N, C-alpha and C. Protein backbone atom coordinates (compact mmCIF):
# COMPACT_ATOMS: atom_id res chain seq x y z
N MET A 1 160.05 118.65 88.01
CA MET A 1 159.80 118.08 89.32
C MET A 1 158.40 117.51 89.33
N LYS A 2 158.28 116.36 89.86
CA LYS A 2 157.01 115.65 89.94
C LYS A 2 156.38 115.89 91.30
N SER A 3 155.10 116.34 91.30
CA SER A 3 154.44 116.57 92.59
C SER A 3 153.69 115.31 93.01
N ARG A 4 153.60 115.15 94.27
CA ARG A 4 152.90 113.98 94.80
C ARG A 4 151.73 114.46 95.66
N LEU A 5 150.61 113.76 95.49
CA LEU A 5 149.43 114.07 96.29
C LEU A 5 149.54 113.39 97.65
N PRO A 6 148.98 114.03 98.65
CA PRO A 6 148.93 113.34 99.95
C PRO A 6 148.15 112.04 99.81
N LYS A 7 148.40 111.09 100.68
CA LYS A 7 147.79 109.76 100.62
C LYS A 7 146.27 109.80 100.55
N GLU A 8 145.66 110.69 101.32
CA GLU A 8 144.19 110.72 101.34
C GLU A 8 143.58 111.11 100.00
N TYR A 9 144.38 111.71 99.11
CA TYR A 9 143.88 112.10 97.79
C TYR A 9 144.29 111.15 96.67
N GLN A 10 145.18 110.23 96.96
CA GLN A 10 145.69 109.34 95.92
C GLN A 10 144.62 108.40 95.38
N ASN A 11 143.72 107.94 96.19
CA ASN A 11 142.66 107.01 95.76
C ASN A 11 141.33 107.72 95.56
N SER A 12 141.38 109.02 95.32
CA SER A 12 140.13 109.78 95.21
C SER A 12 139.30 109.34 94.01
N ASN A 13 139.93 108.94 92.92
CA ASN A 13 139.17 108.46 91.75
C ASN A 13 138.40 107.20 92.09
N ALA A 14 139.04 106.29 92.81
CA ALA A 14 138.37 105.04 93.19
C ALA A 14 137.19 105.33 94.10
N SER A 15 137.39 106.20 95.07
CA SER A 15 136.28 106.50 95.99
C SER A 15 135.19 107.30 95.27
N MET A 16 135.57 108.14 94.31
CA MET A 16 134.58 108.89 93.54
C MET A 16 133.75 107.93 92.69
N ASN A 17 134.40 106.97 92.06
CA ASN A 17 133.68 105.97 91.26
C ASN A 17 132.74 105.15 92.14
N GLN A 18 133.19 104.84 93.33
CA GLN A 18 132.35 104.08 94.26
C GLN A 18 131.12 104.91 94.66
N MET A 19 131.33 106.20 94.90
CA MET A 19 130.19 107.06 95.24
C MET A 19 129.22 107.17 94.09
N VAL A 20 129.72 107.27 92.87
CA VAL A 20 128.87 107.36 91.69
C VAL A 20 128.06 106.07 91.54
N ARG A 21 128.70 104.92 91.74
CA ARG A 21 127.99 103.64 91.65
C ARG A 21 126.89 103.54 92.71
N LYS A 22 127.20 104.00 93.92
CA LYS A 22 126.20 103.98 94.99
C LYS A 22 125.02 104.89 94.65
N ALA A 23 125.33 106.05 94.08
CA ALA A 23 124.26 106.99 93.70
C ALA A 23 123.40 106.39 92.59
N GLN A 24 124.04 105.73 91.63
CA GLN A 24 123.28 105.09 90.55
C GLN A 24 122.40 103.97 91.09
N LYS A 25 122.92 103.19 92.02
CA LYS A 25 122.15 102.11 92.63
C LYS A 25 120.96 102.68 93.39
N MET A 26 121.19 103.78 94.12
CA MET A 26 120.10 104.41 94.86
C MET A 26 119.03 104.91 93.89
N GLN A 27 119.45 105.50 92.77
CA GLN A 27 118.49 106.00 91.79
C GLN A 27 117.67 104.85 91.21
N GLU A 28 118.32 103.72 90.94
CA GLU A 28 117.60 102.55 90.43
C GLU A 28 116.59 102.05 91.47
N ASP A 29 117.01 102.03 92.73
CA ASP A 29 116.11 101.58 93.80
C ASP A 29 114.93 102.53 93.97
N ILE A 30 115.18 103.82 93.86
CA ILE A 30 114.12 104.82 93.97
C ILE A 30 113.11 104.63 92.84
N THR A 31 113.60 104.43 91.64
CA THR A 31 112.72 104.21 90.48
C THR A 31 111.88 102.95 90.70
N ARG A 32 112.52 101.88 91.19
CA ARG A 32 111.80 100.63 91.44
C ARG A 32 110.70 100.83 92.48
N VAL A 33 111.02 101.53 93.57
CA VAL A 33 110.03 101.77 94.63
C VAL A 33 108.87 102.60 94.09
N GLN A 34 109.17 103.62 93.28
CA GLN A 34 108.11 104.45 92.71
C GLN A 34 107.19 103.63 91.80
N GLU A 35 107.79 102.76 90.98
CA GLU A 35 106.98 101.92 90.10
C GLU A 35 106.13 100.93 90.90
N GLU A 36 106.71 100.34 91.93
CA GLU A 36 105.94 99.41 92.78
C GLU A 36 104.80 100.13 93.48
N LEU A 37 105.06 101.34 93.96
CA LEU A 37 104.02 102.12 94.64
C LEU A 37 102.88 102.43 93.68
N GLU A 38 103.19 102.85 92.47
CA GLU A 38 102.15 103.18 91.49
C GLU A 38 101.28 101.99 91.16
N ALA A 39 101.86 100.79 91.16
CA ALA A 39 101.12 99.58 90.80
C ALA A 39 100.31 99.02 91.97
N LYS A 40 100.69 99.37 93.18
CA LYS A 40 100.03 98.83 94.37
C LYS A 40 98.63 99.41 94.55
N GLU A 41 97.71 98.59 95.01
CA GLU A 41 96.36 99.06 95.31
C GLU A 41 96.17 99.15 96.82
N PHE A 42 95.50 100.20 97.24
CA PHE A 42 95.20 100.45 98.64
C PHE A 42 93.69 100.41 98.81
N THR A 43 93.23 99.80 99.88
CA THR A 43 91.80 99.74 100.18
C THR A 43 91.57 100.36 101.55
N LYS A 44 90.54 101.19 101.63
CA LYS A 44 90.22 101.86 102.89
C LYS A 44 88.72 101.78 103.11
N GLN A 45 88.34 101.36 104.30
CA GLN A 45 86.93 101.37 104.70
C GLN A 45 86.74 102.43 105.77
N VAL A 46 85.66 103.18 105.64
CA VAL A 46 85.31 104.19 106.65
C VAL A 46 83.83 104.05 106.98
N GLY A 47 83.44 104.69 108.07
CA GLY A 47 82.04 104.64 108.48
C GLY A 47 81.62 103.24 108.86
N GLY A 48 82.52 102.51 109.52
CA GLY A 48 82.19 101.15 109.93
C GLY A 48 81.98 100.22 108.74
N GLY A 49 82.65 100.50 107.64
CA GLY A 49 82.51 99.66 106.45
C GLY A 49 81.41 100.11 105.50
N ALA A 50 80.77 101.23 105.82
CA ALA A 50 79.69 101.74 104.97
C ALA A 50 80.22 102.22 103.62
N LEU A 51 81.49 102.63 103.61
CA LEU A 51 82.13 103.11 102.38
C LEU A 51 83.47 102.41 102.24
N GLU A 52 83.72 101.87 101.05
CA GLU A 52 85.01 101.26 100.78
C GLU A 52 85.59 101.89 99.51
N LEU A 53 86.84 102.32 99.62
CA LEU A 53 87.53 102.94 98.50
C LEU A 53 88.73 102.08 98.11
N VAL A 54 88.99 102.01 96.82
CA VAL A 54 90.19 101.36 96.31
C VAL A 54 90.89 102.38 95.43
N MET A 55 92.18 102.61 95.75
CA MET A 55 92.96 103.61 95.03
C MET A 55 94.35 103.03 94.75
N THR A 56 94.92 103.40 93.62
CA THR A 56 96.27 102.96 93.30
C THR A 56 97.28 103.88 93.97
N GLY A 57 98.52 103.43 94.03
CA GLY A 57 99.57 104.22 94.66
C GLY A 57 99.85 105.54 93.97
N ASP A 58 99.45 105.67 92.70
CA ASP A 58 99.60 106.96 92.03
C ASP A 58 98.34 107.81 92.19
N LYS A 59 97.53 107.43 93.17
CA LYS A 59 96.36 108.19 93.62
C LYS A 59 95.25 108.29 92.59
N LYS A 60 95.04 107.19 91.89
CA LYS A 60 93.90 107.11 90.97
C LYS A 60 92.83 106.26 91.64
N LEU A 61 91.65 106.82 91.80
CA LEU A 61 90.55 106.13 92.44
C LEU A 61 90.02 105.05 91.50
N LYS A 62 90.02 103.80 91.98
CA LYS A 62 89.57 102.70 91.13
C LYS A 62 88.13 102.31 91.40
N SER A 63 87.73 102.35 92.68
CA SER A 63 86.34 101.99 92.97
C SER A 63 85.87 102.63 94.27
N VAL A 64 84.56 102.83 94.30
CA VAL A 64 83.86 103.32 95.49
C VAL A 64 82.68 102.39 95.70
N THR A 65 82.61 101.78 96.88
CA THR A 65 81.51 100.88 97.19
C THR A 65 80.77 101.42 98.40
N LEU A 66 79.46 101.62 98.24
CA LEU A 66 78.62 102.12 99.32
C LEU A 66 77.64 101.04 99.75
N LYS A 67 77.43 100.92 101.04
CA LYS A 67 76.36 100.04 101.52
C LYS A 67 75.05 100.81 101.35
N PRO A 68 74.00 100.12 100.93
CA PRO A 68 72.72 100.81 100.66
C PRO A 68 72.21 101.64 101.84
N GLU A 69 72.43 101.17 103.05
CA GLU A 69 71.89 101.90 104.20
C GLU A 69 72.55 103.26 104.43
N VAL A 70 73.71 103.50 103.81
CA VAL A 70 74.37 104.79 103.98
C VAL A 70 73.79 105.85 103.04
N VAL A 71 73.04 105.41 102.05
CA VAL A 71 72.46 106.34 101.07
C VAL A 71 71.08 106.77 101.58
N ASP A 72 71.07 107.92 102.25
CA ASP A 72 69.84 108.47 102.80
C ASP A 72 69.57 109.80 102.10
N PRO A 73 68.53 109.86 101.27
CA PRO A 73 68.26 111.11 100.54
C PRO A 73 68.03 112.31 101.46
N ASP A 74 67.68 112.05 102.71
CA ASP A 74 67.46 113.15 103.64
C ASP A 74 68.75 113.59 104.35
N ASP A 75 69.83 112.87 104.11
CA ASP A 75 71.10 113.20 104.78
C ASP A 75 72.27 113.09 103.80
N ILE A 76 72.21 113.84 102.72
CA ILE A 76 73.26 113.84 101.71
C ILE A 76 74.59 114.33 102.30
N GLU A 77 74.53 115.29 103.20
CA GLU A 77 75.75 115.84 103.79
C GLU A 77 76.57 114.78 104.49
N MET A 78 75.92 113.85 105.18
CA MET A 78 76.64 112.79 105.87
C MET A 78 77.40 111.92 104.87
N LEU A 79 76.78 111.61 103.75
CA LEU A 79 77.42 110.81 102.71
C LEU A 79 78.60 111.58 102.09
N GLN A 80 78.41 112.86 101.85
CA GLN A 80 79.49 113.68 101.31
C GLN A 80 80.68 113.72 102.28
N ASP A 81 80.40 113.91 103.55
CA ASP A 81 81.46 113.93 104.57
C ASP A 81 82.19 112.59 104.64
N LEU A 82 81.44 111.50 104.51
CA LEU A 82 82.02 110.17 104.55
C LEU A 82 82.97 109.96 103.37
N ILE A 83 82.57 110.41 102.20
CA ILE A 83 83.42 110.27 101.00
C ILE A 83 84.67 111.12 101.14
N ILE A 84 84.53 112.35 101.58
CA ILE A 84 85.68 113.24 101.76
C ILE A 84 86.65 112.63 102.77
N SER A 85 86.12 112.16 103.87
CA SER A 85 86.95 111.55 104.91
C SER A 85 87.70 110.33 104.37
N GLY A 86 86.98 109.48 103.66
CA GLY A 86 87.60 108.28 103.12
C GLY A 86 88.70 108.59 102.12
N VAL A 87 88.45 109.51 101.21
CA VAL A 87 89.44 109.88 100.20
C VAL A 87 90.68 110.47 100.88
N ASN A 88 90.48 111.36 101.83
CA ASN A 88 91.61 111.95 102.54
C ASN A 88 92.42 110.90 103.30
N GLU A 89 91.74 109.96 103.93
CA GLU A 89 92.43 108.92 104.68
C GLU A 89 93.24 108.00 103.78
N ILE A 90 92.69 107.61 102.65
CA ILE A 90 93.42 106.70 101.77
C ILE A 90 94.61 107.41 101.11
N ILE A 91 94.46 108.68 100.79
CA ILE A 91 95.59 109.45 100.24
C ILE A 91 96.70 109.55 101.28
N GLN A 92 96.34 109.81 102.52
CA GLN A 92 97.35 109.90 103.59
C GLN A 92 98.05 108.56 103.78
N GLU A 93 97.29 107.46 103.70
CA GLU A 93 97.88 106.12 103.83
C GLU A 93 98.89 105.87 102.71
N ILE A 94 98.55 106.25 101.49
CA ILE A 94 99.45 106.07 100.34
C ILE A 94 100.72 106.90 100.54
N GLU A 95 100.56 108.14 100.96
CA GLU A 95 101.72 109.01 101.16
C GLU A 95 102.63 108.49 102.27
N ASP A 96 102.03 108.02 103.37
CA ASP A 96 102.83 107.47 104.47
C ASP A 96 103.58 106.22 104.02
N TYR A 97 102.89 105.35 103.30
CA TYR A 97 103.52 104.12 102.80
C TYR A 97 104.67 104.46 101.86
N GLY A 98 104.45 105.39 100.95
CA GLY A 98 105.48 105.80 100.01
C GLY A 98 106.69 106.39 100.72
N ALA A 99 106.45 107.21 101.73
CA ALA A 99 107.55 107.82 102.48
C ALA A 99 108.35 106.76 103.23
N GLU A 100 107.66 105.78 103.82
CA GLU A 100 108.36 104.70 104.53
C GLU A 100 109.22 103.88 103.59
N GLU A 101 108.67 103.54 102.43
CA GLU A 101 109.42 102.74 101.46
C GLU A 101 110.61 103.52 100.91
N MET A 102 110.43 104.80 100.67
CA MET A 102 111.51 105.62 100.16
C MET A 102 112.61 105.79 101.21
N GLU A 103 112.23 105.89 102.47
CA GLU A 103 113.21 106.02 103.54
C GLU A 103 114.08 104.77 103.63
N LYS A 104 113.50 103.61 103.34
CA LYS A 104 114.29 102.37 103.34
C LYS A 104 115.38 102.43 102.28
N VAL A 105 115.09 103.04 101.14
CA VAL A 105 116.04 103.13 100.04
C VAL A 105 117.08 104.20 100.29
N THR A 106 116.64 105.36 100.77
CA THR A 106 117.54 106.50 100.91
C THR A 106 118.23 106.55 102.26
N GLY A 107 117.82 105.69 103.17
CA GLY A 107 118.44 105.72 104.50
C GLY A 107 118.09 106.97 105.28
N GLY A 108 116.96 107.57 104.95
CA GLY A 108 116.52 108.76 105.67
C GLY A 108 117.04 110.06 105.07
N VAL A 109 117.86 109.97 104.01
CA VAL A 109 118.35 111.17 103.36
C VAL A 109 117.20 111.82 102.61
N SER A 110 117.00 113.09 102.83
CA SER A 110 115.90 113.80 102.18
C SER A 110 116.18 113.95 100.70
N MET A 111 115.18 113.59 99.88
CA MET A 111 115.28 113.73 98.44
C MET A 111 114.16 114.64 97.98
N PRO A 112 114.37 115.96 97.95
CA PRO A 112 113.30 116.90 97.59
C PRO A 112 112.69 116.55 96.23
N GLY A 113 111.37 116.62 96.18
CA GLY A 113 110.67 116.40 94.93
C GLY A 113 110.26 114.96 94.69
N LEU A 114 110.74 114.03 95.49
CA LEU A 114 110.35 112.64 95.28
C LEU A 114 109.06 112.32 96.00
N PHE A 115 108.97 112.70 97.26
CA PHE A 115 107.77 112.46 98.06
C PHE A 115 107.59 113.57 99.04
């Protein structure tokens, strides 16, 4: 005797293949977004432009530019605070940008470990 599957299960291979293709496409898009993010440069100015930082999307600091008037030997703490603030702000900007771009690819589906 030959058994028959209900209609909703008859095309399960086709729908499974379609899901696999969609998952592969999403993985390719995620890889592309990650590569684009790593190559992108972010610039952040803080302290009214007294400090400018340039960092890549993979969080490698490329340059730090200080205006001479911000370098006060009697106020090193202010300069240290300015650098810390700038680095934290640019890292947050990179993370926010990466999360937004990834959400476009994943449609808001959480992908633990990616970002």
